[in-house]
Amino acid sequence: MPKMKTKSGAAKRFKVRSSGGIKRSQAFKRHILTKKTTKAKRQLRGMTEVHAADEKLIRAMLPYA
Protein backbone atom coordinates (compact mmCIF):
# COMPACT_ATOMS: atom_id res chain seq x y z
CA MET A 1 0.00 0.00 0.00
CA PRO A 2 1.51 3.37 -0.96
CA LYS A 3 1.94 6.13 1.58
CA MET A 4 -0.78 8.76 1.85
CA LYS A 5 0.20 12.24 0.76
CA THR A 6 -0.31 15.31 2.92
CA LYS A 7 -2.04 18.21 1.15
CA SER A 8 0.79 20.75 1.05
CA GLY A 9 -1.60 23.71 1.13
CA ALA A 10 -3.21 22.39 4.31
CA ALA A 11 0.20 21.68 5.87
CA LYS A 12 1.14 25.35 5.41
CA ARG A 13 -2.12 26.62 6.93
CA PHE A 14 -2.84 24.30 9.86
CA LYS A 15 -0.88 22.87 12.79
CA VAL A 16 -2.07 20.12 15.15
CA ARG A 17 -1.63 20.96 18.84
CA SER A 18 -0.36 18.44 21.38
CA SER A 19 -3.86 18.48 22.93
CA GLY A 20 -5.24 17.28 19.57
CA GLY A 21 -6.88 20.52 18.46
CA ILE A 22 -6.03 22.18 15.17
CA LYS A 23 -4.89 25.81 15.09
CA ARG A 24 -5.12 28.24 12.21
CA SER A 25 -4.25 31.88 11.61
CA GLN A 26 -6.87 34.61 11.38
CA ALA A 27 -8.23 35.83 8.04
CA PHE A 28 -8.87 39.47 6.97
CA LYS A 29 -5.43 40.75 7.97
CA ARG A 30 -3.66 40.87 4.56
CA HIS A 31 -4.85 44.01 2.80
CA ILE A 32 -7.44 46.84 2.90
CA LEU A 33 -6.29 47.55 6.45
CA THR A 34 -6.89 51.31 6.33
CA LYS A 35 -10.64 50.98 6.82
CA LYS A 36 -10.25 48.51 9.71
CA THR A 37 -9.97 49.88 13.22
CA THR A 38 -6.85 49.37 15.34
CA LYS A 39 -8.90 47.24 17.73
CA ALA A 40 -10.12 44.98 14.91
CA LYS A 41 -6.60 44.51 13.56
CA ARG A 42 -5.23 43.78 17.03
CA GLN A 43 -7.88 41.12 17.65
CA LEU A 44 -6.97 39.40 14.36
CA ARG A 45 -3.41 38.70 15.58
CA GLY A 46 -2.32 35.23 16.60
CA MET A 47 -3.85 31.84 16.10
CA THR A 48 -7.31 30.45 16.76
CA GLU A 49 -8.94 27.02 16.89
CA VAL A 50 -10.49 25.42 13.80
CA HIS A 51 -14.28 25.03 14.00
CA ALA A 52 -15.51 21.56 14.96
CA ALA A 53 -17.50 21.24 11.70
CA ASP A 54 -14.30 21.59 9.61
CA GLU A 55 -11.99 19.50 11.79
CA LYS A 56 -12.74 16.13 10.14
CA LEU A 57 -11.95 17.49 6.65
CA ILE A 58 -8.68 19.04 7.79
CA ARG A 59 -7.57 15.85 9.56
CA ALA A 60 -8.13 13.96 6.28
CA MET A 61 -5.80 16.43 4.52
CA LEU A 62 -3.12 15.96 7.24
CA PRO A 63 -2.87 12.15 7.61
CA TYR A 64 0.44 12.14 9.54
CA ALA A 65 -0.05 15.26 11.69
PDB file of N, CA and C in Angstrom:
ATOM      1  N   MET A   1       0.843  -1.180   0.000  1.00  0.00           N
ATOM      2  CA  MET A   1       0.000   0.000   0.000  1.00  0.00           C
ATOM      3  C   MET A   1       0.894   1.252   0.000  1.00  0.00           C
ATOM      4  N   PRO A   2       0.666   2.165  -0.948  1.00  0.00           N
ATOM      5  CA  PRO A   2       1.507   3.368  -0.962  1.00  0.00           C
ATOM      6  C   PRO A   2       1.184   4.297   0.209  1.00  0.00           C
ATOM      7  N   LYS A   3       2.152   5.156   0.508  1.00  0.00           N
ATOM      8  CA  LYS A   3       1.943   6.128   1.581  1.00  0.00           C
ATOM      9  C   LYS A   3       0.910   7.157   1.149  1.00  0.00           C
ATOM     10  N   MET A   4       0.181   7.692   2.130  1.00  0.00           N
ATOM     11  CA  MET A   4      -0.782   8.760   1.850  1.00  0.00           C
ATOM     12  C   MET A   4      -0.015  10.070   1.777  1.00  0.00           C
ATOM     13  N   LYS A   5      -0.457  10.948   0.892  1.00  0.00           N
ATOM     14  CA  LYS A   5       0.202  12.244   0.759  1.00  0.00           C
ATOM     15  C   LYS A   5      -0.537  13.291   1.579  1.00  0.00           C
ATOM     16  N   THR A   6       0.236  14.159   2.211  1.00  0.00           N
ATOM     17  CA  THR A   6      -0.315  15.308   2.923  1.00  0.00           C
ATOM     18  C   THR A   6      -0.594  16.393   1.900  1.00  0.00           C
ATOM     19  N   LYS A   7      -1.748  17.066   2.005  1.00  0.00           N
ATOM     20  CA  LYS A   7      -2.039  18.208   1.146  1.00  0.00           C
ATOM     21  C   LYS A   7      -1.115  19.340   1.566  1.00  0.00           C
ATOM     22  N   SER A   8      -0.227  19.763   0.674  1.00  0.00           N
ATOM     23  CA  SER A   8       0.795  20.748   1.045  1.00  0.00           C
ATOM     24  C   SER A   8       0.185  22.094   1.418  1.00  0.00           C
ATOM     25  N   GLY A   9      -0.927  22.456   0.787  1.00  0.00           N
ATOM     26  CA  GLY A   9      -1.596  23.715   1.131  1.00  0.00           C
ATOM     27  C   GLY A   9      -2.144  23.686   2.543  1.00  0.00           C
ATOM     28  N   ALA A  10      -2.678  22.545   2.951  1.00  0.00           N
ATOM     29  CA  ALA A  10      -3.206  22.393   4.313  1.00  0.00           C
ATOM     30  C   ALA A  10      -2.073  22.363   5.329  1.00  0.00           C
ATOM     31  N   ALA A  11      -0.944  21.758   4.970  1.00  0.00           N
ATOM     32  CA  ALA A  11       0.201  21.681   5.875  1.00  0.00           C
ATOM     33  C   ALA A  11       0.750  23.065   6.185  1.00  0.00           C
ATOM     34  N   LYS A  12       0.657  23.985   5.211  1.00  0.00           N
ATOM     35  CA  LYS A  12       1.135  25.351   5.412  1.00  0.00           C
ATOM     36  C   LYS A  12       0.170  26.160   6.278  1.00  0.00           C
ATOM     37  N   ARG A  13      -1.106  25.807   6.257  1.00  0.00           N
ATOM     38  CA  ARG A  13      -2.125  26.618   6.926  1.00  0.00           C
ATOM     39  C   ARG A  13      -2.501  26.147   8.327  1.00  0.00           C
ATOM     40  N   PHE A  14      -2.366  24.858   8.590  1.00  0.00           N
ATOM     41  CA  PHE A  14      -2.844  24.296   9.860  1.00  0.00           C
ATOM     42  C   PHE A  14      -1.741  23.564  10.606  1.00  0.00           C
ATOM     43  N   LYS A  15      -1.805  23.619  11.936  1.00  0.00           N
ATOM     44  CA  LYS A  15      -0.883  22.874  12.791  1.00  0.00           C
ATOM     45  C   LYS A  15      -1.715  22.146  13.844  1.00  0.00           C
ATOM     46  N   VAL A  16      -1.347  20.896  14.142  1.00  0.00           N
ATOM     47  CA  VAL A  16      -2.068  20.119  15.152  1.00  0.00           C
ATOM     48  C   VAL A  16      -1.384  20.336  16.494  1.00  0.00           C
ATOM     49  N   ARG A  17      -2.148  20.724  17.502  1.00  0.00           N
ATOM     50  CA  ARG A  17      -1.627  20.956  18.840  1.00  0.00           C
ATOM     51  C   ARG A  17      -1.413  19.629  19.550  1.00  0.00           C
ATOM     52  N   SER A  18      -0.619  19.664  20.613  1.00  0.00           N
ATOM     53  CA  SER A  18      -0.363  18.443  21.383  1.00  0.00           C
ATOM     54  C   SER A  18      -1.635  17.940  22.055  1.00  0.00           C
ATOM     55  N   SER A  19      -2.581  18.862  22.331  1.00  0.00           N
ATOM     56  CA  SER A  19      -3.860  18.476  22.933  1.00  0.00           C
ATOM     57  C   SER A  19      -4.794  17.819  21.911  1.00  0.00           C
ATOM     58  N   GLY A  20      -4.427  17.905  20.612  1.00  0.00           N
ATOM     59  CA  GLY A  20      -5.239  17.279  19.573  1.00  0.00           C
ATOM     60  C   GLY A  20      -6.029  18.261  18.746  1.00  0.00           C
ATOM     61  N   GLY A  21      -6.154  19.497  19.221  1.00  0.00           N
ATOM     62  CA  GLY A  21      -6.876  20.516  18.462  1.00  0.00           C
ATOM     63  C   GLY A  21      -6.050  21.003  17.285  1.00  0.00           C
ATOM     64  N   ILE A  22      -6.715  21.662  16.348  1.00  0.00           N
ATOM     65  CA  ILE A  22      -6.030  22.183  15.167  1.00  0.00           C
ATOM     66  C   ILE A  22      -6.090  23.702  15.225  1.00  0.00           C
ATOM     67  N   LYS A  23      -4.925  24.353  15.063  1.00  0.00           N
ATOM     68  CA  LYS A  23      -4.892  25.811  15.091  1.00  0.00           C
ATOM     69  C   LYS A  23      -4.712  26.358  13.693  1.00  0.00           C
ATOM     70  N   ARG A  24      -5.217  27.558  13.493  1.00  0.00           N
ATOM     71  CA  ARG A  24      -5.121  28.244  12.207  1.00  0.00           C
ATOM     72  C   ARG A  24      -4.923  29.733  12.474  1.00  0.00           C
ATOM     73  N   SER A  25      -4.419  30.441  11.461  1.00  0.00           N
ATOM     74  CA  SER A  25      -4.247  31.878  11.608  1.00  0.00           C
ATOM     75  C   SER A  25      -5.544  32.587  11.220  1.00  0.00           C
ATOM     76  N   GLN A  26      -5.669  33.831  11.639  1.00  0.00           N
ATOM     77  CA  GLN A  26      -6.873  34.613  11.384  1.00  0.00           C
ATOM     78  C   GLN A  26      -6.886  35.139   9.955  1.00  0.00           C
ATOM     79  N   ALA A  27      -8.059  35.246   9.370  1.00  0.00           N
ATOM     80  CA  ALA A  27      -8.232  35.834   8.041  1.00  0.00           C
ATOM     81  C   ALA A  27      -8.472  37.342   8.177  1.00  0.00           C
ATOM     82  N   PHE A  28      -8.555  38.030   7.041  1.00  0.00           N
ATOM     83  CA  PHE A  28      -8.872  39.466   6.966  1.00  0.00           C
ATOM     84  C   PHE A  28      -7.774  40.368   7.515  1.00  0.00           C
ATOM     85  N   LYS A  29      -6.524  39.933   7.438  1.00  0.00           N
ATOM     86  CA  LYS A  29      -5.430  40.745   7.967  1.00  0.00           C
ATOM     87  C   LYS A  29      -4.392  41.054   6.883  1.00  0.00           C
ATOM     88  N   ARG A  30      -4.663  40.757   5.619  1.00  0.00           N
ATOM     89  CA  ARG A  30      -3.663  40.871   4.561  1.00  0.00           C
ATOM     90  C   ARG A  30      -3.647  42.233   3.872  1.00  0.00           C
ATOM     91  N   HIS A  31      -4.796  42.745   3.534  1.00  0.00           N
ATOM     92  CA  HIS A  31      -4.846  44.008   2.796  1.00  0.00           C
ATOM     93  C   HIS A  31      -6.146  44.733   3.141  1.00  0.00           C
ATOM     94  N   ILE A  32      -6.309  45.945   2.586  1.00  0.00           N
ATOM     95  CA  ILE A  32      -7.440  46.837   2.900  1.00  0.00           C
ATOM     96  C   ILE A  32      -7.507  47.052   4.414  1.00  0.00           C
ATOM     97  N   LEU A  33      -6.361  47.383   5.003  1.00  0.00           N
ATOM     98  CA  LEU A  33      -6.291  47.548   6.453  1.00  0.00           C
ATOM     99  C   LEU A  33      -6.611  48.964   6.898  1.00  0.00           C
ATOM    100  N   THR A  34      -6.658  49.916   5.950  1.00  0.00           N
ATOM    101  CA  THR A  34      -6.888  51.310   6.332  1.00  0.00           C
ATOM    102  C   THR A  34      -8.298  51.535   6.870  1.00  0.00           C
ATOM    103  N   LYS A  35      -9.259  50.798   6.352  1.00  0.00           N
ATOM    104  CA  LYS A  35     -10.642  50.982   6.823  1.00  0.00           C
ATOM    105  C   LYS A  35     -10.960  50.170   8.084  1.00  0.00           C
ATOM    106  N   LYS A  36     -10.043  49.306   8.488  1.00  0.00           N
ATOM    107  CA  LYS A  36     -10.254  48.509   9.706  1.00  0.00           C
ATOM    108  C   LYS A  36      -9.706  49.266  10.909  1.00  0.00           C
ATOM    109  N   THR A  37     -10.398  49.182  12.015  1.00  0.00           N
ATOM    110  CA  THR A  37      -9.968  49.883  13.217  1.00  0.00           C
ATOM    111  C   THR A  37      -8.747  49.190  13.824  1.00  0.00           C
ATOM    112  N   THR A  38      -8.023  49.934  14.657  1.00  0.00           N
ATOM    113  CA  THR A  38      -6.853  49.372  15.335  1.00  0.00           C
ATOM    114  C   THR A  38      -7.262  48.197  16.204  1.00  0.00           C
ATOM    115  N   LYS A  39      -8.406  48.321  16.865  1.00  0.00           N
ATOM    116  CA  LYS A  39      -8.903  47.237  17.727  1.00  0.00           C
ATOM    117  C   LYS A  39      -9.180  45.979  16.916  1.00  0.00           C
ATOM    118  N   ALA A  40      -9.804  46.136  15.757  1.00  0.00           N
ATOM    119  CA  ALA A  40     -10.124  44.983  14.909  1.00  0.00           C
ATOM    120  C   ALA A  40      -8.852  44.288  14.438  1.00  0.00           C
ATOM    121  N   LYS A  41      -7.862  45.081  14.028  1.00  0.00           N
ATOM    122  CA  LYS A  41      -6.597  44.515  13.556  1.00  0.00           C
ATOM    123  C   LYS A  41      -5.852  43.815  14.687  1.00  0.00           C
ATOM    124  N   ARG A  42      -5.895  44.380  15.869  1.00  0.00           N
ATOM    125  CA  ARG A  42      -5.225  43.780  17.034  1.00  0.00           C
ATOM    126  C   ARG A  42      -5.858  42.439  17.382  1.00  0.00           C
ATOM    127  N   GLN A  43      -7.182  42.353  17.296  1.00  0.00           N
ATOM    128  CA  GLN A  43      -7.875  41.118  17.646  1.00  0.00           C
ATOM    129  C   GLN A  43      -7.706  40.024  16.591  1.00  0.00           C
ATOM    130  N   LEU A  44      -7.226  40.390  15.405  1.00  0.00           N
ATOM    131  CA  LEU A  44      -6.974  39.404  14.357  1.00  0.00           C
ATOM    132  C   LEU A  44      -5.576  38.796  14.457  1.00  0.00           C
ATOM    133  N   ARG A  45      -4.754  39.264  15.401  1.00  0.00           N
ATOM    134  CA  ARG A  45      -3.414  38.700  15.583  1.00  0.00           C
ATOM    135  C   ARG A  45      -3.496  37.293  16.156  1.00  0.00           C
ATOM    136  N   GLY A  46      -2.424  36.529  15.948  1.00  0.00           N
ATOM    137  CA  GLY A  46      -2.317  35.234  16.603  1.00  0.00           C
ATOM    138  C   GLY A  46      -3.124  34.141  15.946  1.00  0.00           C
ATOM    139  N   MET A  47      -3.200  33.024  16.642  1.00  0.00           N
ATOM    140  CA  MET A  47      -3.854  31.840  16.103  1.00  0.00           C
ATOM    141  C   MET A  47      -5.188  31.609  16.809  1.00  0.00           C
ATOM    142  N   THR A  48      -6.038  30.825  16.173  1.00  0.00           N
ATOM    143  CA  THR A  48      -7.315  30.448  16.763  1.00  0.00           C
ATOM    144  C   THR A  48      -7.608  28.991  16.421  1.00  0.00           C
ATOM    145  N   GLU A  49      -8.588  28.432  17.079  1.00  0.00           N
ATOM    146  CA  GLU A  49      -8.942  27.020  16.892  1.00  0.00           C
ATOM    147  C   GLU A  49      -9.825  26.853  15.650  1.00  0.00           C
ATOM    148  N   VAL A  50      -9.649  25.746  14.954  1.00  0.00           N
ATOM    149  CA  VAL A  50     -10.493  25.420  13.798  1.00  0.00           C
ATOM    150  C   VAL A  50     -11.872  25.005  14.317  1.00  0.00           C
ATOM    151  N   HIS A  51     -12.914  25.376  13.596  1.00  0.00           N
ATOM    152  CA  HIS A  51     -14.278  25.031  13.997  1.00  0.00           C
ATOM    153  C   HIS A  51     -14.480  23.518  13.918  1.00  0.00           C
ATOM    154  N   ALA A  52     -15.275  23.002  14.845  1.00  0.00           N
ATOM    155  CA  ALA A  52     -15.508  21.557  14.956  1.00  0.00           C
ATOM    156  C   ALA A  52     -16.076  20.958  13.665  1.00  0.00           C
ATOM    157  N   ALA A  53     -16.889  21.737  12.932  1.00  0.00           N
ATOM    158  CA  ALA A  53     -17.496  21.242  11.698  1.00  0.00           C
ATOM    159  C   ALA A  53     -16.460  20.996  10.604  1.00  0.00           C
ATOM    160  N   ASP A  54     -15.334  21.718  10.638  1.00  0.00           N
ATOM    161  CA  ASP A  54     -14.298  21.589   9.611  1.00  0.00           C
ATOM    162  C   ASP A  54     -13.164  20.654  10.010  1.00  0.00           C
ATOM    163  N   GLU A  55     -13.133  20.242  11.266  1.00  0.00           N
ATOM    164  CA  GLU A  55     -11.989  19.501  11.790  1.00  0.00           C
ATOM    165  C   GLU A  55     -11.775  18.160  11.080  1.00  0.00           C
ATOM    166  N   LYS A  56     -12.844  17.450  10.785  1.00  0.00           N
ATOM    167  CA  LYS A  56     -12.738  16.134  10.137  1.00  0.00           C
ATOM    168  C   LYS A  56     -12.106  16.255   8.745  1.00  0.00           C
ATOM    169  N   LEU A  57     -12.494  17.279   7.996  1.00  0.00           N
ATOM    170  CA  LEU A  57     -11.948  17.494   6.655  1.00  0.00           C
ATOM    171  C   LEU A  57     -10.456  17.817   6.707  1.00  0.00           C
ATOM    172  N   ILE A  58     -10.076  18.645   7.677  1.00  0.00           N
ATOM    173  CA  ILE A  58      -8.676  19.038   7.793  1.00  0.00           C
ATOM    174  C   ILE A  58      -7.813  17.861   8.237  1.00  0.00           C
ATOM    175  N   ARG A  59      -8.322  17.034   9.132  1.00  0.00           N
ATOM    176  CA  ARG A  59      -7.572  15.846   9.563  1.00  0.00           C
ATOM    177  C   ARG A  59      -7.335  14.879   8.404  1.00  0.00           C
ATOM    178  N   ALA A  60      -8.288  14.807   7.472  1.00  0.00           N
ATOM    179  CA  ALA A  60      -8.126  13.955   6.282  1.00  0.00           C
ATOM    180  C   ALA A  60      -7.019  14.494   5.371  1.00  0.00           C
ATOM    181  N   MET A  61      -6.844  15.817   5.361  1.00  0.00           N
ATOM    182  CA  MET A  61      -5.798  16.429   4.524  1.00  0.00           C
ATOM    183  C   MET A  61      -4.417  16.318   5.170  1.00  0.00           C
ATOM    184  N   LEU A  62      -4.377  16.070   6.487  1.00  0.00           N
ATOM    185  CA  LEU A  62      -3.115  15.960   7.238  1.00  0.00           C
ATOM    186  C   LEU A  62      -3.012  14.569   7.863  1.00  0.00           C
ATOM    187  N   PRO A  63      -2.810  13.518   7.064  1.00  0.00           N
ATOM    188  CA  PRO A  63      -2.873  12.152   7.613  1.00  0.00           C
ATOM    189  C   PRO A  63      -1.803  11.827   8.646  1.00  0.00           C
ATOM    190  N   TYR A  64      -0.644  12.487   8.601  1.00  0.00           N
ATOM    191  CA  TYR A  64       0.438  12.143   9.538  1.00  0.00           C
ATOM    192  C   TYR A  64       0.666  13.196  10.609  1.00  0.00           C
ATOM    193  N   ALA A  65      -0.217  14.189  10.696  1.00  0.00           N
ATOM    194  CA  ALA A  65      -0.052  15.262  11.685  1.00  0.00           C
ATOM    195  C   ALA A  65      -0.607  14.842  13.040  1.00  0.00           C
TER     196      ALA A  65
END
